[in-house]
Amino acid sequence: MSRVYKVQGSAVCEVCGNAGWQCFEVQIGRERHIFDCFECALDVLTPQCAHCETPFVGQGVHVGSTTYCSHDCANASRIEQYDARSNRCEIIVLQDSSALN
């Protein structure tokens, strides 16, 4: 669970280093972050797509424990994994068939 608190006194944003009264604190579990604007908070707190590595805001697409920014990236990642597995299988088959000769 996350919580957002207005920071009392002077604080420094962990992203841009700005200090000021408008800083706020975000707690996620035991992690504590201080930001001066929502843009800085997004830089740190947004997840990255497991395929294209683009930070995104929103639900995303969850496949098991992996999160993608879109269905396109989820499908592209699954196709690449399948290709990698099939290439490995071809290499194994070639090695096995050459071992028989």
PDB file of N, CA and C in Angstrom:
ATOM      1  N   MET A   1       0.850  -1.176   0.000  1.00  0.00           N
ATOM      2  CA  MET A   1       0.000   0.000   0.000  1.00  0.00           C
ATOM      3  C   MET A   1       0.892   1.234   0.000  1.00  0.00           C
ATOM      4  N   SER A   2       0.521   2.224  -0.776  1.00  0.00           N
ATOM      5  CA  SER A   2       1.311   3.446  -0.821  1.00  0.00           C
ATOM      6  C   SER A   2       0.574   4.567  -0.105  1.00  0.00           C
ATOM      7  N   ARG A   3       1.345   5.504   0.406  1.00  0.00           N
ATOM      8  CA  ARG A   3       0.771   6.666   1.076  1.00  0.00           C
ATOM      9  C   ARG A   3       1.551   7.898   0.648  1.00  0.00           C
ATOM     10  N   VAL A   4       0.857   9.006   0.550  1.00  0.00           N
ATOM     11  CA  VAL A   4       1.482  10.270   0.177  1.00  0.00           C
ATOM     12  C   VAL A   4       1.260  11.254   1.314  1.00  0.00           C
ATOM     13  N   TYR A   5       2.325  11.897   1.746  1.00  0.00           N
ATOM     14  CA  TYR A   5       2.253  12.882   2.825  1.00  0.00           C
ATOM     15  C   TYR A   5       2.910  14.174   2.375  1.00  0.00           C
ATOM     16  N   LYS A   6       2.377  15.288   2.796  1.00  0.00           N
ATOM     17  CA  LYS A   6       3.041  16.569   2.575  1.00  0.00           C
ATOM     18  C   LYS A   6       4.169  16.659   3.589  1.00  0.00           C
ATOM     19  N   VAL A   7       5.362  16.999   3.124  1.00  0.00           N
ATOM     20  CA  VAL A   7       6.530  17.058   3.997  1.00  0.00           C
ATOM     21  C   VAL A   7       6.538  18.390   4.727  1.00  0.00           C
ATOM     22  N   GLN A   8       6.684  18.335   6.029  1.00  0.00           N
ATOM     23  CA  GLN A   8       6.762  19.545   6.839  1.00  0.00           C
ATOM     24  C   GLN A   8       8.188  20.085   6.803  1.00  0.00           C
ATOM     25  N   GLY A   9       8.331  21.399   6.726  1.00  0.00           N
ATOM     26  CA  GLY A   9       9.661  22.005   6.704  1.00  0.00           C
ATOM     27  C   GLY A   9      10.278  21.901   5.328  1.00  0.00           C
ATOM     28  N   SER A  10      11.584  21.943   5.282  1.00  0.00           N
ATOM     29  CA  SER A  10      12.258  21.912   3.991  1.00  0.00           C
ATOM     30  C   SER A  10      12.717  20.493   3.687  1.00  0.00           C
ATOM     31  N   ALA A  11      12.538  20.085   2.450  1.00  0.00           N
ATOM     32  CA  ALA A  11      12.950  18.761   1.995  1.00  0.00           C
ATOM     33  C   ALA A  11      13.553  18.904   0.601  1.00  0.00           C
ATOM     34  N   VAL A  12      14.249  17.878   0.152  1.00  0.00           N
ATOM     35  CA  VAL A  12      14.922  17.916  -1.148  1.00  0.00           C
ATOM     36  C   VAL A  12      14.399  16.775  -2.008  1.00  0.00           C
ATOM     37  N   CYS A  13      14.027  17.089  -3.250  1.00  0.00           N
ATOM     38  CA  CYS A  13      13.544  16.091  -4.197  1.00  0.00           C
ATOM     39  C   CYS A  13      14.693  15.150  -4.561  1.00  0.00           C
ATOM     40  N   GLU A  14      14.438  13.847  -4.522  1.00  0.00           N
ATOM     41  CA  GLU A  14      15.493  12.878  -4.809  1.00  0.00           C
ATOM     42  C   GLU A  14      15.835  12.791  -6.292  1.00  0.00           C
ATOM     43  N   VAL A  15      15.007  13.354  -7.168  1.00  0.00           N
ATOM     44  CA  VAL A  15      15.271  13.310  -8.604  1.00  0.00           C
ATOM     45  C   VAL A  15      16.000  14.557  -9.084  1.00  0.00           C
ATOM     46  N   CYS A  16      15.425  15.731  -8.823  1.00  0.00           N
ATOM     47  CA  CYS A  16      15.988  16.971  -9.375  1.00  0.00           C
ATOM     48  C   CYS A  16      16.777  17.796  -8.367  1.00  0.00           C
ATOM     49  N   GLY A  17      16.653  17.474  -7.085  1.00  0.00           N
ATOM     50  CA  GLY A  17      17.403  18.195  -6.070  1.00  0.00           C
ATOM     51  C   GLY A  17      16.782  19.501  -5.616  1.00  0.00           C
ATOM     52  N   ASN A  18      15.609  19.841  -6.145  1.00  0.00           N
ATOM     53  CA  ASN A  18      14.933  21.062  -5.710  1.00  0.00           C
ATOM     54  C   ASN A  18      14.487  20.929  -4.259  1.00  0.00           C
ATOM     55  N   ALA A  19      14.659  21.999  -3.531  1.00  0.00           N
ATOM     56  CA  ALA A  19      14.211  22.035  -2.137  1.00  0.00           C
ATOM     57  C   ALA A  19      13.066  23.028  -2.036  1.00  0.00           C
ATOM     58  N   GLY A  20      12.113  22.727  -1.212  1.00  0.00           N
ATOM     59  CA  GLY A  20      11.025  23.674  -1.066  1.00  0.00           C
ATOM     60  C   GLY A  20       9.888  23.133  -0.242  1.00  0.00           C
ATOM     61  N   TRP A  21       8.931  24.023  -0.001  1.00  0.00           N
ATOM     62  CA  TRP A  21       7.792  23.685   0.831  1.00  0.00           C
ATOM     63  C   TRP A  21       6.802  22.787   0.108  1.00  0.00           C
ATOM     64  N   GLN A  22       6.874  22.707  -1.244  1.00  0.00           N
ATOM     65  CA  GLN A  22       5.893  21.910  -1.977  1.00  0.00           C
ATOM     66  C   GLN A  22       6.292  20.435  -2.104  1.00  0.00           C
ATOM     67  N   CYS A  23       7.401  20.036  -1.517  1.00  0.00           N
ATOM     68  CA  CYS A  23       7.821  18.638  -1.585  1.00  0.00           C
ATOM     69  C   CYS A  23       6.815  17.737  -0.864  1.00  0.00           C
ATOM     70  N   PHE A  24       6.707  16.531  -1.356  1.00  0.00           N
ATOM     71  CA  PHE A  24       5.836  15.544  -0.723  1.00  0.00           C
ATOM     72  C   PHE A  24       6.565  14.211  -0.639  1.00  0.00           C
ATOM     73  N   GLU A  25       6.104  13.391   0.266  1.00  0.00           N
ATOM     74  CA  GLU A  25       6.727  12.093   0.519  1.00  0.00           C
ATOM     75  C   GLU A  25       5.774  10.987   0.073  1.00  0.00           C
ATOM     76  N   VAL A  26       6.331   9.973  -0.576  1.00  0.00           N
ATOM     77  CA  VAL A  26       5.555   8.801  -0.967  1.00  0.00           C
ATOM     78  C   VAL A  26       6.166   7.593  -0.280  1.00  0.00           C
ATOM     79  N   GLN A  27       5.345   6.831   0.434  1.00  0.00           N
ATOM     80  CA  GLN A  27       5.808   5.606   1.074  1.00  0.00           C
ATOM     81  C   GLN A  27       5.161   4.428   0.376  1.00  0.00           C
ATOM     82  N   ILE A  28       5.988   3.490  -0.077  1.00  0.00           N
ATOM     83  CA  ILE A  28       5.506   2.248  -0.679  1.00  0.00           C
ATOM     84  C   ILE A  28       6.154   1.127   0.116  1.00  0.00           C
ATOM     85  N   GLY A  29       5.360   0.452   0.901  1.00  0.00           N
ATOM     86  CA  GLY A  29       5.926  -0.545   1.811  1.00  0.00           C
ATOM     87  C   GLY A  29       6.854   0.152   2.789  1.00  0.00           C
ATOM     88  N   ARG A  30       8.101  -0.262   2.812  1.00  0.00           N
ATOM     89  CA  ARG A  30       9.086   0.362   3.694  1.00  0.00           C
ATOM     90  C   ARG A  30       9.937   1.414   2.977  1.00  0.00           C
ATOM     91  N   GLU A  31       9.733   1.566   1.663  1.00  0.00           N
ATOM     92  CA  GLU A  31      10.489   2.559   0.901  1.00  0.00           C
ATOM     93  C   GLU A  31       9.876   3.938   1.083  1.00  0.00           C
ATOM     94  N   ARG A  32      10.742   4.948   1.209  1.00  0.00           N
ATOM     95  CA  ARG A  32      10.301   6.330   1.388  1.00  0.00           C
ATOM     96  C   ARG A  32      10.961   7.181   0.310  1.00  0.00           C
ATOM     97  N   HIS A  33      10.173   7.933  -0.441  1.00  0.00           N
ATOM     98  CA  HIS A  33      10.675   8.797  -1.510  1.00  0.00           C
ATOM     99  C   HIS A  33      10.160  10.211  -1.290  1.00  0.00           C
ATOM    100  N   ILE A  34      10.989  11.199  -1.647  1.00  0.00           N
ATOM    101  CA  ILE A  34      10.578  12.605  -1.555  1.00  0.00           C
ATOM    102  C   ILE A  34      10.722  13.242  -2.931  1.00  0.00           C
ATOM    103  N   PHE A  35       9.649  13.896  -3.369  1.00  0.00           N
ATOM    104  CA  PHE A  35       9.610  14.542  -4.683  1.00  0.00           C
ATOM    105  C   PHE A  35       9.059  15.949  -4.539  1.00  0.00           C
ATOM    106  N   ASP A  36       9.372  16.803  -5.534  1.00  0.00           N
ATOM    107  CA  ASP A  36       8.803  18.153  -5.513  1.00  0.00           C
ATOM    108  C   ASP A  36       7.689  18.317  -6.533  1.00  0.00           C
ATOM    109  N   CYS A  37       7.527  17.333  -7.427  1.00  0.00           N
ATOM    110  CA  CYS A  37       6.445  17.399  -8.408  1.00  0.00           C
ATOM    111  C   CYS A  37       6.086  15.984  -8.863  1.00  0.00           C
ATOM    112  N   PHE A  38       4.948  15.880  -9.482  1.00  0.00           N
ATOM    113  CA  PHE A  38       4.462  14.586  -9.940  1.00  0.00           C
ATOM    114  C   PHE A  38       5.361  14.011 -11.037  1.00  0.00           C
ATOM    115  N   GLU A  39       5.925  14.873 -11.871  1.00  0.00           N
ATOM    116  CA  GLU A  39       6.819  14.433 -12.945  1.00  0.00           C
ATOM    117  C   GLU A  39       8.027  13.693 -12.378  1.00  0.00           C
ATOM    118  N   CYS A  40       8.627  14.221 -11.317  1.00  0.00           N
ATOM    119  CA  CYS A  40       9.768  13.544 -10.680  1.00  0.00           C
ATOM    120  C   CYS A  40       9.338  12.208 -10.071  1.00  0.00           C
ATOM    121  N   ALA A  41       8.149  12.184  -9.481  1.00  0.00           N
ATOM    122  CA  ALA A  41       7.640  10.936  -8.901  1.00  0.00           C
ATOM    123  C   ALA A  41       7.455   9.884  -9.989  1.00  0.00           C
ATOM    124  N   LEU A  42       6.933  10.280 -11.142  1.00  0.00           N
ATOM    125  CA  LEU A  42       6.745   9.342 -12.244  1.00  0.00           C
ATOM    126  C   LEU A  42       8.074   8.759 -12.723  1.00  0.00           C
ATOM    127  N   ASP A  43       9.126   9.574 -12.743  1.00  0.00           N
ATOM    128  CA  ASP A  43      10.443   9.084 -13.178  1.00  0.00           C
ATOM    129  C   ASP A  43      10.904   7.902 -12.346  1.00  0.00           C
ATOM    130  N   VAL A  44      10.599   7.917 -11.072  1.00  0.00           N
ATOM    131  CA  VAL A  44      11.071   6.868 -10.166  1.00  0.00           C
ATOM    132  C   VAL A  44      10.052   5.737 -10.005  1.00  0.00           C
ATOM    133  N   LEU A  45       8.779   6.059  -9.950  1.00  0.00           N
ATOM    134  CA  LEU A  45       7.773   5.088  -9.530  1.00  0.00           C
ATOM    135  C   LEU A  45       7.067   4.332 -10.650  1.00  0.00           C
ATOM    136  N   THR A  46       7.185   4.766 -11.904  1.00  0.00           N
ATOM    137  CA  THR A  46       6.479   4.061 -12.967  1.00  0.00           C
ATOM    138  C   THR A  46       7.202   2.770 -13.327  1.00  0.00           C
ATOM    139  N   PRO A  47       6.445   1.716 -13.599  1.00  0.00           N
ATOM    140  CA  PRO A  47       7.074   0.464 -14.023  1.00  0.00           C
ATOM    141  C   PRO A  47       7.574   0.587 -15.453  1.00  0.00           C
ATOM    142  N   GLN A  48       8.497  -0.292 -15.833  1.00  0.00           N
ATOM    143  CA  GLN A  48       9.000  -0.328 -17.199  1.00  0.00           C
ATOM    144  C   GLN A  48       8.502  -1.597 -17.873  1.00  0.00           C
ATOM    145  N   CYS A  49       8.194  -1.490 -19.140  1.00  0.00           N
ATOM    146  CA  CYS A  49       7.753  -2.635 -19.926  1.00  0.00           C
ATOM    147  C   CYS A  49       8.886  -3.653 -20.001  1.00  0.00           C
ATOM    148  N   ALA A  50       8.578  -4.923 -19.793  1.00  0.00           N
ATOM    149  CA  ALA A  50       9.582  -5.985 -19.833  1.00  0.00           C
ATOM    150  C   ALA A  50      10.105  -6.211 -21.243  1.00  0.00           C
ATOM    151  N   HIS A  51       9.380  -5.747 -22.260  1.00  0.00           N
ATOM    152  CA  HIS A  51       9.821  -5.952 -23.644  1.00  0.00           C
ATOM    153  C   HIS A  51      10.550  -4.730 -24.211  1.00  0.00           C
ATOM    154  N   CYS A  52       9.884  -3.575 -24.229  1.00  0.00           N
ATOM    155  CA  CYS A  52      10.480  -2.378 -24.861  1.00  0.00           C
ATOM    156  C   CYS A  52      11.157  -1.460 -23.851  1.00  0.00           C
ATOM    157  N   GLU A  53      11.037  -1.757 -22.565  1.00  0.00           N
ATOM    158  CA  GLU A  53      11.657  -1.000 -21.473  1.00  0.00           C
ATOM    159  C   GLU A  53      11.186   0.443 -21.365  1.00  0.00           C
ATOM    160  N   THR A  54      10.017   0.738 -21.939  1.00  0.00           N
ATOM    161  CA  THR A  54       9.444   2.074 -21.847  1.00  0.00           C
ATOM    162  C   THR A  54       8.686   2.201 -20.532  1.00  0.00           C
ATOM    163  N   PRO A  55       8.922   3.280 -19.770  1.00  0.00           N
ATOM    164  CA  PRO A  55       8.108   3.489 -18.571  1.00  0.00           C
ATOM    165  C   PRO A  55       6.666   3.791 -18.984  1.00  0.00           C
ATOM    166  N   PHE A  56       5.707   3.280 -18.237  1.00  0.00           N
ATOM    167  CA  PHE A  56       4.308   3.527 -18.584  1.00  0.00           C
ATOM    168  C   PHE A  56       3.479   3.748 -17.335  1.00  0.00           C
ATOM    169  N   VAL A  57       2.396   4.497 -17.525  1.00  0.00           N
ATOM    170  CA  VAL A  57       1.445   4.763 -16.446  1.00  0.00           C
ATOM    171  C   VAL A  57       0.156   4.056 -16.834  1.00  0.00           C
ATOM    172  N   GLY A  58      -0.369   3.277 -15.948  1.00  0.00           N
ATOM    173  CA  GLY A  58      -1.602   2.555 -16.230  1.00  0.00           C
ATOM    174  C   GLY A  58      -1.491   1.121 -15.775  1.00  0.00           C
ATOM    175  N   GLN A  59      -2.485   0.329 -16.134  1.00  0.00           N
ATOM    176  CA  GLN A  59      -2.552  -1.054 -15.683  1.00  0.00           C
ATOM    177  C   GLN A  59      -1.486  -1.924 -16.330  1.00  0.00           C
ATOM    178  N   GLY A  60      -1.236  -1.747 -17.602  1.00  0.00           N
ATOM    179  CA  GLY A  60      -0.320  -2.627 -18.298  1.00  0.00           C
ATOM    180  C   GLY A  60      -0.958  -3.991 -18.524  1.00  0.00           C
ATOM    181  N   VAL A  61      -0.176  -4.901 -19.061  1.00  0.00           N
ATOM    182  CA  VAL A  61      -0.629  -6.266 -19.319  1.00  0.00           C
ATOM    183  C   VAL A  61       0.242  -7.183 -18.487  1.00  0.00           C
ATOM    184  N   HIS A  62      -0.375  -7.983 -17.629  1.00  0.00           N
ATOM    185  CA  HIS A  62       0.368  -8.871 -16.744  1.00  0.00           C
ATOM    186  C   HIS A  62       0.325 -10.293 -17.291  1.00  0.00           C
ATOM    187  N   VAL A  63       1.492 -10.861 -17.516  1.00  0.00           N
ATOM    188  CA  VAL A  63       1.610 -12.261 -17.922  1.00  0.00           C
ATOM    189  C   VAL A  63       2.474 -12.926 -16.867  1.00  0.00           C
ATOM    190  N   GLY A  64       1.832 -13.701 -16.007  1.00  0.00           N
ATOM    191  CA  GLY A  64       2.544 -14.268 -14.869  1.00  0.00           C
ATOM    192  C   GLY A  64       3.010 -13.138 -13.969  1.00  0.00           C
ATOM    193  N   SER A  65       4.297 -13.089 -13.671  1.00  0.00           N
ATOM    194  CA  SER A  65       4.840 -12.013 -12.832  1.00  0.00           C
ATOM    195  C   SER A  65       5.489 -10.914 -13.668  1.00  0.00           C
ATOM    196  N   THR A  66       5.314 -10.963 -14.993  1.00  0.00           N
ATOM    197  CA  THR A  66       5.920  -9.989 -15.900  1.00  0.00           C
ATOM    198  C   THR A  66       4.869  -8.983 -16.346  1.00  0.00           C
ATOM    199  N   THR A  67       5.265  -7.702 -16.424  1.00  0.00           N
ATOM    200  CA  THR A  67       4.347  -6.641 -16.828  1.00  0.00           C
ATOM    201  C   THR A  67       4.835  -5.993 -18.119  1.00  0.00           C
ATOM    202  N   TYR A  68       3.914  -5.830 -19.050  1.00  0.00           N
ATOM    203  CA  TYR A  68       4.193  -5.195 -20.342  1.00  0.00           C
ATOM    204  C   TYR A  68       3.318  -3.950 -20.473  1.00  0.00           C
ATOM    205  N   CYS A  69       3.741  -3.019 -21.326  1.00  0.00           N
ATOM    206  CA  CYS A  69       2.967  -1.786 -21.508  1.00  0.00           C
ATOM    207  C   CYS A  69       1.740  -2.010 -22.378  1.00  0.00           C
ATOM    208  N   SER A  70       1.743  -3.050 -23.219  1.00  0.00           N
ATOM    209  CA  SER A  70       0.616  -3.281 -24.124  1.00  0.00           C
ATOM    210  C   SER A  70       0.541  -4.756 -24.506  1.00  0.00           C
ATOM    211  N   HIS A  71      -0.570  -5.115 -25.139  1.00  0.00           N
ATOM    212  CA  HIS A  71      -0.718  -6.484 -25.638  1.00  0.00           C
ATOM    213  C   HIS A  71       0.300  -6.756 -26.751  1.00  0.00           C
ATOM    214  N   ASP A  72       0.612  -5.731 -27.550  1.00  0.00           N
ATOM    215  CA  ASP A  72       1.599  -5.905 -28.618  1.00  0.00           C
ATOM    216  C   ASP A  72       2.954  -6.320 -28.068  1.00  0.00           C
ATOM    217  N   CYS A  73       3.405  -5.655 -26.997  1.00  0.00           N
ATOM    218  CA  CYS A  73       4.699  -5.998 -26.400  1.00  0.00           C
ATOM    219  C   CYS A  73       4.647  -7.384 -25.752  1.00  0.00           C
ATOM    220  N   ALA A  74       3.531  -7.720 -25.123  1.00  0.00           N
ATOM    221  CA  ALA A  74       3.400  -9.043 -24.507  1.00  0.00           C
ATOM    222  C   ALA A  74       3.483 -10.123 -25.576  1.00  0.00           C
ATOM    223  N   ASN A  75       2.784  -9.928 -26.697  1.00  0.00           N
ATOM    224  CA  ASN A  75       2.821 -10.908 -27.779  1.00  0.00           C
ATOM    225  C   ASN A  75       4.197 -10.965 -28.428  1.00  0.00           C
ATOM    226  N   ALA A  76       4.819  -9.815 -28.648  1.00  0.00           N
ATOM    227  CA  ALA A  76       6.153  -9.787 -29.253  1.00  0.00           C
ATOM    228  C   ALA A  76       7.165 -10.500 -28.369  1.00  0.00           C
ATOM    229  N   SER A  77       7.067 -10.317 -27.087  1.00  0.00           N
ATOM    230  CA  SER A  77       7.981 -10.973 -26.163  1.00  0.00           C
ATOM    231  C   SER A  77       7.780 -12.483 -26.187  1.00  0.00           C
ATOM    232  N   ARG A  78       6.544 -12.932 -26.218  1.00  0.00           N
ATOM    233  CA  ARG A  78       6.267 -14.370 -26.262  1.00  0.00           C
ATOM    234  C   ARG A  78       6.768 -14.983 -27.562  1.00  0.00           C
ATOM    235  N   ILE A  79       6.642 -14.260 -28.690  1.00  0.00           N
ATOM    236  CA  ILE A  79       7.137 -14.764 -29.977  1.00  0.00           C
ATOM    237  C   ILE A  79       8.655 -14.879 -29.945  1.00  0.00           C
ATOM    238  N   GLU A  80       9.344 -13.856 -29.393  1.00  0.00           N
ATOM    239  CA  GLU A  80      10.802 -13.905 -29.301  1.00  0.00           C
ATOM    240  C   GLU A  80      11.255 -15.060 -28.411  1.00  0.00           C
ATOM    241  N   GLN A  81      10.570 -15.287 -27.306  1.00  0.00           N
ATOM    242  CA  GLN A  81      10.921 -16.405 -26.428  1.00  0.00           C
ATOM    243  C   GLN A  81      10.717 -17.726 -27.145  1.00  0.00           C
ATOM    244  N   TYR A  82       9.647 -17.837 -27.921  1.00  0.00           N
ATOM    245  CA  TYR A  82       9.386 -19.061 -28.668  1.00  0.00           C
ATOM    246  C   TYR A  82      10.482 -19.280 -29.699  1.00  0.00           C
ATOM    247  N   ASP A  83      10.867 -18.202 -30.430  1.00  0.00           N
ATOM    248  CA  ASP A  83      11.933 -18.311 -31.421  1.00  0.00           C
ATOM    249  C   ASP A  83      13.240 -18.734 -30.774  1.00  0.00           C
ATOM    250  N   ALA A  84      13.549 -18.170 -29.626  1.00  0.00           N
ATOM    251  CA  ALA A  84      14.788 -18.521 -28.940  1.00  0.00           C
ATOM    252  C   ALA A  84      14.775 -19.996 -28.548  1.00  0.00           C
ATOM    253  N   ARG A  85      13.631 -20.478 -28.074  1.00  0.00           N
ATOM    254  CA  ARG A  85      13.529 -21.890 -27.693  1.00  0.00           C
ATOM    255  C   ARG A  85      13.637 -22.786 -28.918  1.00  0.00           C
ATOM    256  N   SER A  86      12.994 -22.413 -30.014  1.00  0.00           N
ATOM    257  CA  SER A  86      13.046 -23.263 -31.209  1.00  0.00           C
ATOM    258  C   SER A  86      14.444 -23.268 -31.810  1.00  0.00           C
ATOM    259  N   ASN A  87      15.140 -22.140 -31.750  1.00  0.00           N
ATOM    260  CA  ASN A  87      16.522 -22.120 -32.230  1.00  0.00           C
ATOM    261  C   ASN A  87      17.391 -23.038 -31.393  1.00  0.00           C
ATOM    262  N   ARG A  88      17.194 -23.009 -30.102  1.00  0.00           N
ATOM    263  CA  ARG A  88      17.957 -23.891 -29.229  1.00  0.00           C
ATOM    264  C   ARG A  88      17.652 -25.346 -29.554  1.00  0.00           C
ATOM    265  N   CYS A  89      16.381 -25.651 -29.812  1.00  0.00           N
ATOM    266  CA  CYS A  89      16.003 -27.024 -30.140  1.00  0.00           C
ATOM    267  C   CYS A  89      16.655 -27.459 -31.445  1.00  0.00           C
ATOM    268  N   GLU A  90      16.712 -26.575 -32.434  1.00  0.00           N
ATOM    269  CA  GLU A  90      17.350 -26.925 -33.705  1.00  0.00           C
ATOM    270  C   GLU A  90      18.828 -27.225 -33.496  1.00  0.00           C
ATOM    271  N   ILE A  91      19.484 -26.419 -32.672  1.00  0.00           N
ATOM    272  CA  ILE A  91      20.911 -26.642 -32.408  1.00  0.00           C
ATOM    273  C   ILE A  91      21.103 -27.985 -31.717  1.00  0.00           C
ATOM    274  N   ILE A  92      20.254 -28.286 -30.777  1.00  0.00           N
ATOM    275  CA  ILE A  92      20.359 -29.563 -30.070  1.00  0.00           C
ATOM    276  C   ILE A  92      20.141 -30.713 -31.048  1.00  0.00           C
ATOM    277  N   VAL A  93      19.143 -30.582 -31.921  1.00  0.00           N
ATOM    278  CA  VAL A  93      18.865 -31.637 -32.893  1.00  0.00           C
ATOM    279  C   VAL A  93      20.061 -31.809 -33.828  1.00  0.00           C
ATOM    280  N   LEU A  94      20.657 -30.714 -34.292  1.00  0.00           N
ATOM    281  CA  LEU A  94      21.826 -30.807 -35.164  1.00  0.00           C
ATOM    282  C   LEU A  94      22.980 -31.469 -34.449  1.00  0.00           C
ATOM    283  N   GLN A  95      23.199 -31.123 -33.211  1.00  0.00           N
ATOM    284  CA  GLN A  95      24.295 -31.731 -32.455  1.00  0.00           C
ATOM    285  C   GLN A  95      24.034 -33.217 -32.268  1.00  0.00           C
ATOM    286  N   ASP A  96      22.777 -33.575 -31.976  1.00  0.00           N
ATOM    287  CA  ASP A  96      22.447 -34.979 -31.773  1.00  0.00           C
ATOM    288  C   ASP A  96      22.596 -35.763 -33.075  1.00  0.00           C
ATOM    289  N   SER A  97      22.156 -35.172 -34.204  1.00  0.00           N
ATOM    290  CA  SER A  97      22.250 -35.903 -35.461  1.00  0.00           C
ATOM    291  C   SER A  97      23.691 -36.038 -35.922  1.00  0.00           C
ATOM    292  N   SER A  98      24.539 -35.039 -35.650  1.00  0.00           N
ATOM    293  CA  SER A  98      25.951 -35.160 -36.041  1.00  0.00           C
ATOM    294  C   SER A  98      26.672 -36.166 -35.147  1.00  0.00           C
ATOM    295  N   ALA A  99      26.189 -36.324 -33.927  1.00  0.00           N
ATOM    296  CA  ALA A  99      26.820 -37.286 -33.022  1.00  0.00           C
ATOM    297  C   ALA A  99      26.543 -38.717 -33.471  1.00  0.00           C
ATOM    298  N   LEU A 100      25.420 -38.907 -34.213  1.00  0.00           N
ATOM    299  CA  LEU A 100      25.079 -40.240 -34.692  1.00  0.00           C
ATOM    300  C   LEU A 100      25.941 -40.670 -35.871  1.00  0.00           C
ATOM    301  N   ASN A 101      26.518 -39.733 -36.622  1.00  0.00           N
ATOM    302  CA  ASN A 101      27.321 -40.066 -37.823  1.00  0.00           C
ATOM    303  C   ASN A 101      28.665 -40.554 -37.483  1.00  0.00           C
TER     304      ASN A 101
END
